[in-house]
Amino acid sequence: MRPGREARRAASRAGNSRALTLIARIGFAASGLMHLLMGYIAIRIAFHQSGESDQSGAFAELIKFPGGMIVIWVAVVGLAALGLWLLLQAGLGIGSSSKKRWVRSLVSLGKGVAYLALAFTALSIALRRPTSSTASTRHATATLLALPGGQILLIVLGIVTAGIGGYLIYKGARKKYCEDIALPSGHSQTAITVLAMTGYIAKGIAILTLGVLFVIAAIKVDPQDASGLDGAVKSLAALPFGEVILIVVGVGLIAYGLYSFARARLARL
């Protein structure tokens, strides 16, 4: 048997591991909790209260609750397992002649890296070494702008990020999330559909705004304009009727969090 085929079968067995998939479902639940808190903070910001409406701000808020540290550590394990599971799924598509399989592999790869990054963010909070995503984003943007052709690279990054946001809006509006979850029948299906549509569109708007900020930072050659997801959410408040928009986005993020709880149980793993 070829070594490549053996490795693929080993990866398949690991991807189908009941323990790994169980912990991966915990990862979806952890993501849900994070989005609930992000939505809550976004609504607070709409009412001119303090807070960072990004992943690090959500985990920092969580740690204030009784038992929050335990939940943070569970989130670290769950998000890391979910990221690992997605990377394994991406690897299983390599070598396939199916074009669609390659696309799914690339999507799984991107999601896997994103969930591992969330696990790292949660770990930094658990270890009492919180990192500000705004400061990190500005530092990374400044480093990128200092490179030869860095301005063009940042514009490309902004366009890609905006494209991801646009795709999330499309996914919610066109109900493409149905490929990820085994929808139940009856009223539960209606509720999950509403939560998914609202959640994906709201999250897409926030990430689309982040991409626009990257492009603005590149054009102005000013890293201060690239302020991460927190800055993207807060920039919505500066728009006409910004407080209302921010409340809608906050409610949408909460809806995405509730959908993630449903996905933790019903996801196709």
C-alpha atoms as a PDB file:
ATOM      1  CA  MET A   1       0.000   0.000   0.000  1.00  0.00           C
ATOM      2  CA  ARG A   2       1.305   3.473  -0.846  1.00  0.00           C
ATOM      3  CA  PRO A   3       2.557   5.594   2.071  1.00  0.00           C
ATOM      4  CA  GLY A   4       0.331   8.468   0.922  1.00  0.00           C
ATOM      5  CA  ARG A   5      -2.741   6.255   0.961  1.00  0.00           C
ATOM      6  CA  GLU A   6      -1.822   4.910   4.403  1.00  0.00           C
ATOM      7  CA  ALA A   7      -1.419   8.440   5.730  1.00  0.00           C
ATOM      8  CA  ARG A   8      -4.773   9.406   4.271  1.00  0.00           C
ATOM      9  CA  ARG A   9      -6.493   6.438   5.880  1.00  0.00           C
ATOM     10  CA  ALA A  10      -4.854   7.264   9.215  1.00  0.00           C
ATOM     11  CA  ALA A  11      -6.076  10.849   8.904  1.00  0.00           C
ATOM     12  CA  SER A  12      -9.550   9.570   8.027  1.00  0.00           C
ATOM     13  CA  ARG A  13      -9.630   7.374  11.132  1.00  0.00           C
ATOM     14  CA  ALA A  14      -8.502  10.343  13.248  1.00  0.00           C
ATOM     15  CA  GLY A  15     -11.146  12.585  11.644  1.00  0.00           C
ATOM     16  CA  ASN A  16     -13.834  10.005  12.443  1.00  0.00           C
ATOM     17  CA  SER A  17     -12.676   9.592  16.050  1.00  0.00           C
ATOM     18  CA  ARG A  18     -15.693   9.852  18.363  1.00  0.00           C
ATOM     19  CA  ALA A  19     -13.605  11.576  21.027  1.00  0.00           C
ATOM     20  CA  LEU A  20     -12.271  14.173  18.575  1.00  0.00           C
ATOM     21  CA  THR A  21     -15.687  14.882  17.058  1.00  0.00           C
ATOM     22  CA  LEU A  22     -17.213  15.191  20.537  1.00  0.00           C
ATOM     23  CA  ILE A  23     -14.599  17.750  21.557  1.00  0.00           C
ATOM     24  CA  ALA A  24     -15.046  19.482  18.188  1.00  0.00           C
ATOM     25  CA  ARG A  25     -18.734  19.904  18.995  1.00  0.00           C
ATOM     26  CA  ILE A  26     -17.646  21.529  22.255  1.00  0.00           C
ATOM     27  CA  GLY A  27     -15.639  23.870  20.032  1.00  0.00           C
ATOM     28  CA  PHE A  28     -18.805  24.956  18.215  1.00  0.00           C
ATOM     29  CA  ALA A  29     -20.431  25.600  21.597  1.00  0.00           C
ATOM     30  CA  ALA A  30     -17.397  27.644  22.701  1.00  0.00           C
ATOM     31  CA  SER A  31     -17.610  29.650  19.489  1.00  0.00           C
ATOM     32  CA  GLY A  32     -21.293  30.189  20.210  1.00  0.00           C
ATOM     33  CA  LEU A  33     -20.578  31.540  23.676  1.00  0.00           C
ATOM     34  CA  MET A  34     -17.898  33.840  22.260  1.00  0.00           C
ATOM     35  CA  HIS A  35     -20.319  35.282  19.693  1.00  0.00           C
ATOM     36  CA  LEU A  36     -23.000  35.774  22.352  1.00  0.00           C
ATOM     37  CA  LEU A  37     -20.564  37.887  24.347  1.00  0.00           C
ATOM     38  CA  MET A  38     -19.368  39.756  21.245  1.00  0.00           C
ATOM     39  CA  GLY A  39     -22.966  40.627  20.423  1.00  0.00           C
ATOM     40  CA  TYR A  40     -23.630  41.708  24.002  1.00  0.00           C
ATOM     41  CA  ILE A  41     -20.547  43.963  23.987  1.00  0.00           C
ATOM     42  CA  ALA A  42     -21.500  45.433  20.596  1.00  0.00           C
ATOM     43  CA  ILE A  43     -24.908  46.391  21.974  1.00  0.00           C
ATOM     44  CA  ARG A  44     -23.239  47.924  25.043  1.00  0.00           C
ATOM     45  CA  ILE A  45     -20.992  49.984  22.754  1.00  0.00           C
ATOM     46  CA  ALA A  46     -24.089  51.177  20.879  1.00  0.00           C
ATOM     47  CA  PHE A  47     -25.265  52.607  24.205  1.00  0.00           C
ATOM     48  CA  HIS A  48     -21.850  54.289  24.677  1.00  0.00           C
ATOM     49  CA  GLN A  49     -20.493  51.812  27.211  1.00  0.00           C
ATOM     50  CA  SER A  50     -16.947  50.465  27.194  1.00  0.00           C
ATOM     51  CA  GLY A  51     -15.708  47.123  25.917  1.00  0.00           C
ATOM     52  CA  GLU A  52     -13.910  45.391  23.062  1.00  0.00           C
ATOM     53  CA  SER A  53     -16.362  43.687  20.719  1.00  0.00           C
ATOM     54  CA  ASP A  54     -13.945  41.114  19.359  1.00  0.00           C
ATOM     55  CA  GLN A  55     -12.797  37.634  20.353  1.00  0.00           C
ATOM     56  CA  SER A  56     -10.308  38.752  23.015  1.00  0.00           C
ATOM     57  CA  GLY A  57     -12.892  41.137  24.487  1.00  0.00           C
ATOM     58  CA  ALA A  58     -15.467  38.339  24.630  1.00  0.00           C
ATOM     59  CA  PHE A  59     -13.109  35.950  26.438  1.00  0.00           C
ATOM     60  CA  ALA A  60     -12.002  38.745  28.795  1.00  0.00           C
ATOM     61  CA  GLU A  61     -15.674  39.372  29.621  1.00  0.00           C
ATOM     62  CA  LEU A  62     -16.272  35.659  30.168  1.00  0.00           C
ATOM     63  CA  ILE A  63     -13.525  35.383  32.767  1.00  0.00           C
ATOM     64  CA  LYS A  64     -15.451  37.821  34.997  1.00  0.00           C
ATOM     65  CA  PHE A  65     -18.280  35.331  35.517  1.00  0.00           C
ATOM     66  CA  PRO A  66     -18.246  32.637  38.250  1.00  0.00           C
ATOM     67  CA  GLY A  67     -16.547  29.584  36.819  1.00  0.00           C
ATOM     68  CA  GLY A  68     -15.409  31.618  33.848  1.00  0.00           C
ATOM     69  CA  MET A  69     -11.834  30.314  34.024  1.00  0.00           C
ATOM     70  CA  ILE A  70     -13.065  26.727  33.737  1.00  0.00           C
ATOM     71  CA  VAL A  71     -15.181  27.639  30.730  1.00  0.00           C
ATOM     72  CA  ILE A  72     -12.182  29.377  29.142  1.00  0.00           C
ATOM     73  CA  TRP A  73     -10.064  26.214  29.432  1.00  0.00           C
ATOM     74  CA  VAL A  74     -12.895  24.111  28.005  1.00  0.00           C
ATOM     75  CA  ALA A  75     -13.070  26.613  25.139  1.00  0.00           C
ATOM     76  CA  VAL A  76      -9.330  26.274  24.533  1.00  0.00           C
ATOM     77  CA  VAL A  77      -9.603  22.489  24.212  1.00  0.00           C
ATOM     78  CA  GLY A  78     -12.809  22.577  22.174  1.00  0.00           C
ATOM     79  CA  LEU A  79     -11.654  25.251  19.726  1.00  0.00           C
ATOM     80  CA  ALA A  80      -8.275  23.567  19.270  1.00  0.00           C
ATOM     81  CA  ALA A  81      -9.969  20.205  18.617  1.00  0.00           C
ATOM     82  CA  LEU A  82     -12.362  21.808  16.144  1.00  0.00           C
ATOM     83  CA  GLY A  83      -9.458  23.477  14.355  1.00  0.00           C
ATOM     84  CA  LEU A  84      -7.565  20.172  14.221  1.00  0.00           C
ATOM     85  CA  TRP A  85     -10.620  18.329  12.920  1.00  0.00           C
ATOM     86  CA  LEU A  86     -11.060  20.897  10.126  1.00  0.00           C
ATOM     87  CA  LEU A  87      -7.381  20.634   9.170  1.00  0.00           C
ATOM     88  CA  LEU A  88      -7.760  16.863   8.951  1.00  0.00           C
ATOM     89  CA  GLN A  89     -10.809  17.292   6.736  1.00  0.00           C
ATOM     90  CA  ALA A  90      -8.801  19.654   4.527  1.00  0.00           C
ATOM     91  CA  GLY A  91      -6.042  17.059   4.268  1.00  0.00           C
ATOM     92  CA  LEU A  92      -8.460  14.315   3.273  1.00  0.00           C
ATOM     93  CA  GLY A  93      -9.374  16.230   0.127  1.00  0.00           C
ATOM     94  CA  ILE A  94      -5.805  16.458  -1.145  1.00  0.00           C
ATOM     95  CA  GLY A  95      -5.199  14.320  -4.195  1.00  0.00           C
ATOM     96  CA  SER A  96      -8.851  14.096  -5.148  1.00  0.00           C
ATOM     97  CA  SER A  97      -9.750  14.715  -8.779  1.00  0.00           C
ATOM     98  CA  SER A  98     -12.925  16.474  -7.711  1.00  0.00           C
ATOM     99  CA  LYS A  99     -12.685  20.221  -8.161  1.00  0.00           C
ATOM    100  CA  LYS A 100     -15.401  20.769  -5.564  1.00  0.00           C
ATOM    101  CA  ARG A 101     -13.446  18.618  -3.111  1.00  0.00           C
ATOM    102  CA  TRP A 102     -10.462  20.935  -3.509  1.00  0.00           C
ATOM    103  CA  VAL A 103     -12.629  23.972  -2.821  1.00  0.00           C
ATOM    104  CA  ARG A 104     -14.031  22.342   0.307  1.00  0.00           C
ATOM    105  CA  SER A 105     -10.505  21.467   1.413  1.00  0.00           C
ATOM    106  CA  LEU A 106      -9.385  25.087   1.071  1.00  0.00           C
ATOM    107  CA  VAL A 107     -12.449  26.285   2.995  1.00  0.00           C
ATOM    108  CA  SER A 108     -11.784  23.722   5.745  1.00  0.00           C
ATOM    109  CA  LEU A 109      -8.144  24.799   5.871  1.00  0.00           C
ATOM    110  CA  GLY A 110      -9.100  28.447   6.359  1.00  0.00           C
ATOM    111  CA  LYS A 111     -11.656  27.591   9.026  1.00  0.00           C
ATOM    112  CA  GLY A 112      -9.192  25.311  10.798  1.00  0.00           C
ATOM    113  CA  VAL A 113      -6.567  28.029  11.011  1.00  0.00           C
ATOM    114  CA  ALA A 114      -9.218  30.502  12.240  1.00  0.00           C
ATOM    115  CA  TYR A 115     -10.404  28.196  15.042  1.00  0.00           C
ATOM    116  CA  LEU A 116      -6.820  27.468  16.111  1.00  0.00           C
ATOM    117  CA  ALA A 117      -6.257  31.230  16.285  1.00  0.00           C
ATOM    118  CA  LEU A 118      -9.350  31.527  18.496  1.00  0.00           C
ATOM    119  CA  ALA A 119      -7.976  28.738  20.699  1.00  0.00           C
ATOM    120  CA  PHE A 120      -4.719  30.687  21.036  1.00  0.00           C
ATOM    121  CA  THR A 121      -6.656  33.842  21.964  1.00  0.00           C
ATOM    122  CA  ALA A 122      -8.584  31.944  24.637  1.00  0.00           C
ATOM    123  CA  LEU A 123      -5.327  30.394  25.887  1.00  0.00           C
ATOM    124  CA  SER A 124      -3.703  33.811  26.259  1.00  0.00           C
ATOM    125  CA  ILE A 125      -6.658  34.915  28.416  1.00  0.00           C
ATOM    126  CA  ALA A 126      -6.508  31.693  30.461  1.00  0.00           C
ATOM    127  CA  LEU A 127      -2.790  32.247  31.098  1.00  0.00           C
ATOM    128  CA  ARG A 128      -3.486  35.832  32.131  1.00  0.00           C
ATOM    129  CA  ARG A 129      -1.594  37.152  29.123  1.00  0.00           C
ATOM    130  CA  PRO A 130      -4.350  38.969  27.285  1.00  0.00           C
ATOM    131  CA  THR A 131      -3.571  40.426  23.873  1.00  0.00           C
ATOM    132  CA  SER A 132      -5.444  43.314  22.323  1.00  0.00           C
ATOM    133  CA  SER A 133      -6.540  42.387  18.819  1.00  0.00           C
ATOM    134  CA  THR A 134      -6.598  46.071  17.924  1.00  0.00           C
ATOM    135  CA  ALA A 135      -2.946  46.541  18.938  1.00  0.00           C
ATOM    136  CA  SER A 136      -1.941  43.244  17.298  1.00  0.00           C
ATOM    137  CA  THR A 137      -3.701  44.153  14.058  1.00  0.00           C
ATOM    138  CA  ARG A 138      -2.107  47.590  13.942  1.00  0.00           C
ATOM    139  CA  HIS A 139       1.326  46.119  14.613  1.00  0.00           C
ATOM    140  CA  ALA A 140       0.873  43.491  11.902  1.00  0.00           C
ATOM    141  CA  THR A 141      -0.405  46.140   9.490  1.00  0.00           C
ATOM    142  CA  ALA A 142       2.587  48.395  10.189  1.00  0.00           C
ATOM    143  CA  THR A 143       4.936  45.454   9.584  1.00  0.00           C
ATOM    144  CA  LEU A 144       3.180  44.632   6.324  1.00  0.00           C
ATOM    145  CA  LEU A 145       3.277  48.245   5.114  1.00  0.00           C
ATOM    146  CA  ALA A 146       7.026  48.345   5.803  1.00  0.00           C
ATOM    147  CA  LEU A 147       7.636  45.495   3.345  1.00  0.00           C
ATOM    148  CA  PRO A 148       8.357  46.108  -0.352  1.00  0.00           C
ATOM    149  CA  GLY A 149       4.959  46.233  -2.018  1.00  0.00           C
ATOM    150  CA  GLY A 150       3.337  46.157   1.406  1.00  0.00           C
ATOM    151  CA  GLN A 151       0.675  48.671   0.422  1.00  0.00           C
ATOM    152  CA  ILE A 152      -0.494  46.419  -2.407  1.00  0.00           C
ATOM    153  CA  LEU A 153      -0.384  43.359  -0.145  1.00  0.00           C
ATOM    154  CA  LEU A 154      -2.556  45.121   2.435  1.00  0.00           C
ATOM    155  CA  ILE A 155      -5.061  46.135  -0.253  1.00  0.00           C
ATOM    156  CA  VAL A 156      -5.196  42.492  -1.397  1.00  0.00           C
ATOM    157  CA  LEU A 157      -5.678  41.393   2.222  1.00  0.00           C
ATOM    158  CA  GLY A 158      -8.489  43.909   2.607  1.00  0.00           C
ATOM    159  CA  ILE A 159     -10.187  42.729  -0.577  1.00  0.00           C
ATOM    160  CA  VAL A 160      -9.887  39.073   0.492  1.00  0.00           C
ATOM    161  CA  THR A 161     -11.246  39.889   3.970  1.00  0.00           C
ATOM    162  CA  ALA A 162     -14.123  41.866   2.464  1.00  0.00           C
ATOM    163  CA  GLY A 163     -14.740  38.932   0.128  1.00  0.00           C
ATOM    164  CA  ILE A 164     -15.007  36.577   3.103  1.00  0.00           C
ATOM    165  CA  GLY A 165     -17.506  38.939   4.701  1.00  0.00           C
ATOM    166  CA  GLY A 166     -19.465  39.073   1.463  1.00  0.00           C
ATOM    167  CA  TYR A 167     -19.443  35.283   1.250  1.00  0.00           C
ATOM    168  CA  LEU A 168     -20.838  35.008   4.797  1.00  0.00           C
ATOM    169  CA  ILE A 169     -23.644  37.386   3.841  1.00  0.00           C
ATOM    170  CA  TYR A 170     -24.300  35.283   0.740  1.00  0.00           C
ATOM    171  CA  LYS A 171     -24.165  32.074   2.779  1.00  0.00           C
ATOM    172  CA  GLY A 172     -26.773  33.388   5.164  1.00  0.00           C
ATOM    173  CA  ALA A 173     -29.047  34.870   2.494  1.00  0.00           C
ATOM    174  CA  ARG A 174     -28.879  31.788   0.235  1.00  0.00           C
ATOM    175  CA  LYS A 175     -29.114  29.282   3.121  1.00  0.00           C
ATOM    176  CA  LYS A 176     -25.816  27.623   2.181  1.00  0.00           C
ATOM    177  CA  TYR A 177     -25.319  26.778   5.862  1.00  0.00           C
ATOM    178  CA  CYS A 178     -27.736  23.881   5.322  1.00  0.00           C
ATOM    179  CA  GLU A 179     -24.739  21.933   3.976  1.00  0.00           C
ATOM    180  CA  ASP A 180     -23.097  22.158   7.419  1.00  0.00           C
ATOM    181  CA  ILE A 181     -25.950  21.071   9.652  1.00  0.00           C
ATOM    182  CA  ALA A 182     -28.638  18.367   9.781  1.00  0.00           C
ATOM    183  CA  LEU A 183     -31.727  20.527  10.158  1.00  0.00           C
ATOM    184  CA  PRO A 184     -34.557  19.040  12.242  1.00  0.00           C
ATOM    185  CA  SER A 185     -38.172  19.298  11.165  1.00  0.00           C
ATOM    186  CA  GLY A 186     -40.939  21.472  12.512  1.00  0.00           C
ATOM    187  CA  HIS A 187     -40.579  24.665  14.535  1.00  0.00           C
ATOM    188  CA  SER A 188     -36.963  23.892  15.425  1.00  0.00           C
ATOM    189  CA  GLN A 189     -36.009  24.080  11.761  1.00  0.00           C
ATOM    190  CA  THR A 190     -37.651  27.486  11.422  1.00  0.00           C
ATOM    191  CA  ALA A 191     -35.902  28.819  14.524  1.00  0.00           C
ATOM    192  CA  ILE A 192     -32.469  27.547  13.454  1.00  0.00           C
ATOM    193  CA  THR A 193     -32.985  28.934   9.942  1.00  0.00           C
ATOM    194  CA  VAL A 194     -33.812  32.404  11.283  1.00  0.00           C
ATOM    195  CA  LEU A 195     -30.832  32.345  13.664  1.00  0.00           C
ATOM    196  CA  ALA A 196     -28.444  31.147  10.941  1.00  0.00           C
ATOM    197  CA  MET A 197     -29.572  33.682   8.355  1.00  0.00           C
ATOM    198  CA  THR A 198     -29.460  36.574  10.800  1.00  0.00           C
ATOM    199  CA  GLY A 199     -26.157  35.448  12.302  1.00  0.00           C
ATOM    200  CA  TYR A 200     -24.263  34.888   9.066  1.00  0.00           C
ATOM    201  CA  ILE A 201     -25.409  38.194   7.582  1.00  0.00           C
ATOM    202  CA  ALA A 202     -24.458  40.152  10.730  1.00  0.00           C
ATOM    203  CA  LYS A 203     -21.063  38.479  10.999  1.00  0.00           C
ATOM    204  CA  GLY A 204     -20.509  39.071   7.294  1.00  0.00           C
ATOM    205  CA  ILE A 205     -21.216  42.783   7.690  1.00  0.00           C
ATOM    206  CA  ALA A 206     -18.646  43.047  10.509  1.00  0.00           C
ATOM    207  CA  ILE A 207     -15.928  41.224   8.539  1.00  0.00           C
ATOM    208  CA  LEU A 208     -16.750  43.143   5.353  1.00  0.00           C
ATOM    209  CA  THR A 209     -16.253  46.364   7.314  1.00  0.00           C
ATOM    210  CA  LEU A 210     -12.913  45.034   8.589  1.00  0.00           C
ATOM    211  CA  GLY A 211     -11.789  44.442   4.996  1.00  0.00           C
ATOM    212  CA  VAL A 212     -12.749  47.991   4.047  1.00  0.00           C
ATOM    213  CA  LEU A 213     -10.677  49.320   6.967  1.00  0.00           C
ATOM    214  CA  PHE A 214      -7.657  47.357   5.725  1.00  0.00           C
ATOM    215  CA  VAL A 215      -8.007  48.962   2.298  1.00  0.00           C
ATOM    216  CA  ILE A 216      -8.371  52.439   3.838  1.00  0.00           C
ATOM    217  CA  ALA A 217      -5.253  51.840   5.958  1.00  0.00           C
ATOM    218  CA  ALA A 218      -3.333  50.809   2.824  1.00  0.00           C
ATOM    219  CA  ILE A 219      -4.463  53.832   0.802  1.00  0.00           C
ATOM    220  CA  LYS A 220      -3.679  56.256   3.621  1.00  0.00           C
ATOM    221  CA  VAL A 221      -0.567  54.252   4.630  1.00  0.00           C
ATOM    222  CA  ASP A 222      -1.710  54.530   8.243  1.00  0.00           C
ATOM    223  CA  PRO A 223      -1.799  51.360  10.404  1.00  0.00           C
ATOM    224  CA  GLN A 224      -4.027  53.175  12.909  1.00  0.00           C
ATOM    225  CA  ASP A 225      -6.943  52.758  10.499  1.00  0.00           C
ATOM    226  CA  ALA A 226      -6.573  48.969  10.653  1.00  0.00           C
ATOM    227  CA  SER A 227      -7.975  48.328  14.108  1.00  0.00           C
ATOM    228  CA  GLY A 228      -9.170  44.732  13.914  1.00  0.00           C
ATOM    229  CA  LEU A 229     -12.674  43.382  14.303  1.00  0.00           C
ATOM    230  CA  ASP A 230     -13.296  45.572  17.363  1.00  0.00           C
ATOM    231  CA  GLY A 231     -12.457  48.666  15.332  1.00  0.00           C
ATOM    232  CA  ALA A 232     -14.628  47.439  12.471  1.00  0.00           C
ATOM    233  CA  VAL A 233     -17.623  47.033  14.761  1.00  0.00           C
ATOM    234  CA  LYS A 234     -17.040  50.397  16.441  1.00  0.00           C
ATOM    235  CA  SER A 235     -16.655  52.121  13.065  1.00  0.00           C
ATOM    236  CA  LEU A 236     -20.247  51.173  12.305  1.00  0.00           C
ATOM    237  CA  ALA A 237     -21.312  53.437  15.169  1.00  0.00           C
ATOM    238  CA  ALA A 238     -19.808  56.407  13.290  1.00  0.00           C
ATOM    239  CA  LEU A 239     -22.219  55.936  10.373  1.00  0.00           C
ATOM    240  CA  PRO A 240     -25.588  57.702  10.135  1.00  0.00           C
ATOM    241  CA  PHE A 241     -27.940  55.785  12.442  1.00  0.00           C
ATOM    242  CA  GLY A 242     -24.774  53.970  13.554  1.00  0.00           C
ATOM    243  CA  GLU A 243     -26.129  53.072  16.984  1.00  0.00           C
ATOM    244  CA  VAL A 244     -29.114  51.345  15.389  1.00  0.00           C
ATOM    245  CA  ILE A 245     -26.836  49.514  12.926  1.00  0.00           C
ATOM    246  CA  LEU A 246     -24.574  48.428  15.781  1.00  0.00           C
ATOM    247  CA  ILE A 247     -27.525  47.110  17.782  1.00  0.00           C
ATOM    248  CA  VAL A 248     -28.717  45.141  14.733  1.00  0.00           C
ATOM    249  CA  VAL A 249     -25.206  43.689  14.244  1.00  0.00           C
ATOM    250  CA  GLY A 250     -25.010  42.884  17.960  1.00  0.00           C
ATOM    251  CA  VAL A 251     -28.346  41.068  17.833  1.00  0.00           C
ATOM    252  CA  GLY A 252     -27.113  39.255  14.739  1.00  0.00           C
ATOM    253  CA  LEU A 253     -23.936  38.109  16.489  1.00  0.00           C
ATOM    254  CA  ILE A 254     -26.061  36.828  19.366  1.00  0.00           C
ATOM    255  CA  ALA A 255     -28.199  34.979  16.810  1.00  0.00           C
ATOM    256  CA  TYR A 256     -25.027  33.447  15.340  1.00  0.00           C
ATOM    257  CA  GLY A 257     -24.000  32.369  18.823  1.00  0.00           C
ATOM    258  CA  LEU A 258     -27.339  30.642  19.400  1.00  0.00           C
ATOM    259  CA  TYR A 259     -27.058  28.992  15.981  1.00  0.00           C
ATOM    260  CA  SER A 260     -23.581  27.746  16.939  1.00  0.00           C
ATOM    261  CA  PHE A 261     -25.088  26.031  19.987  1.00  0.00           C
ATOM    262  CA  ALA A 262     -27.531  24.258  17.682  1.00  0.00           C
ATOM    263  CA  ARG A 263     -24.674  23.421  15.333  1.00  0.00           C
ATOM    264  CA  ALA A 264     -22.735  21.893  18.216  1.00  0.00           C
ATOM    265  CA  ARG A 265     -25.391  19.206  18.364  1.00  0.00           C
ATOM    266  CA  LEU A 266     -26.481  18.986  14.740  1.00  0.00           C
ATOM    267  CA  ALA A 267     -23.292  19.691  12.755  1.00  0.00           C
ATOM    268  CA  ARG A 268     -22.346  17.195  10.048  1.00  0.00           C
ATOM    269  CA  LEU A 269     -19.029  15.860  11.372  1.00  0.00           C
END
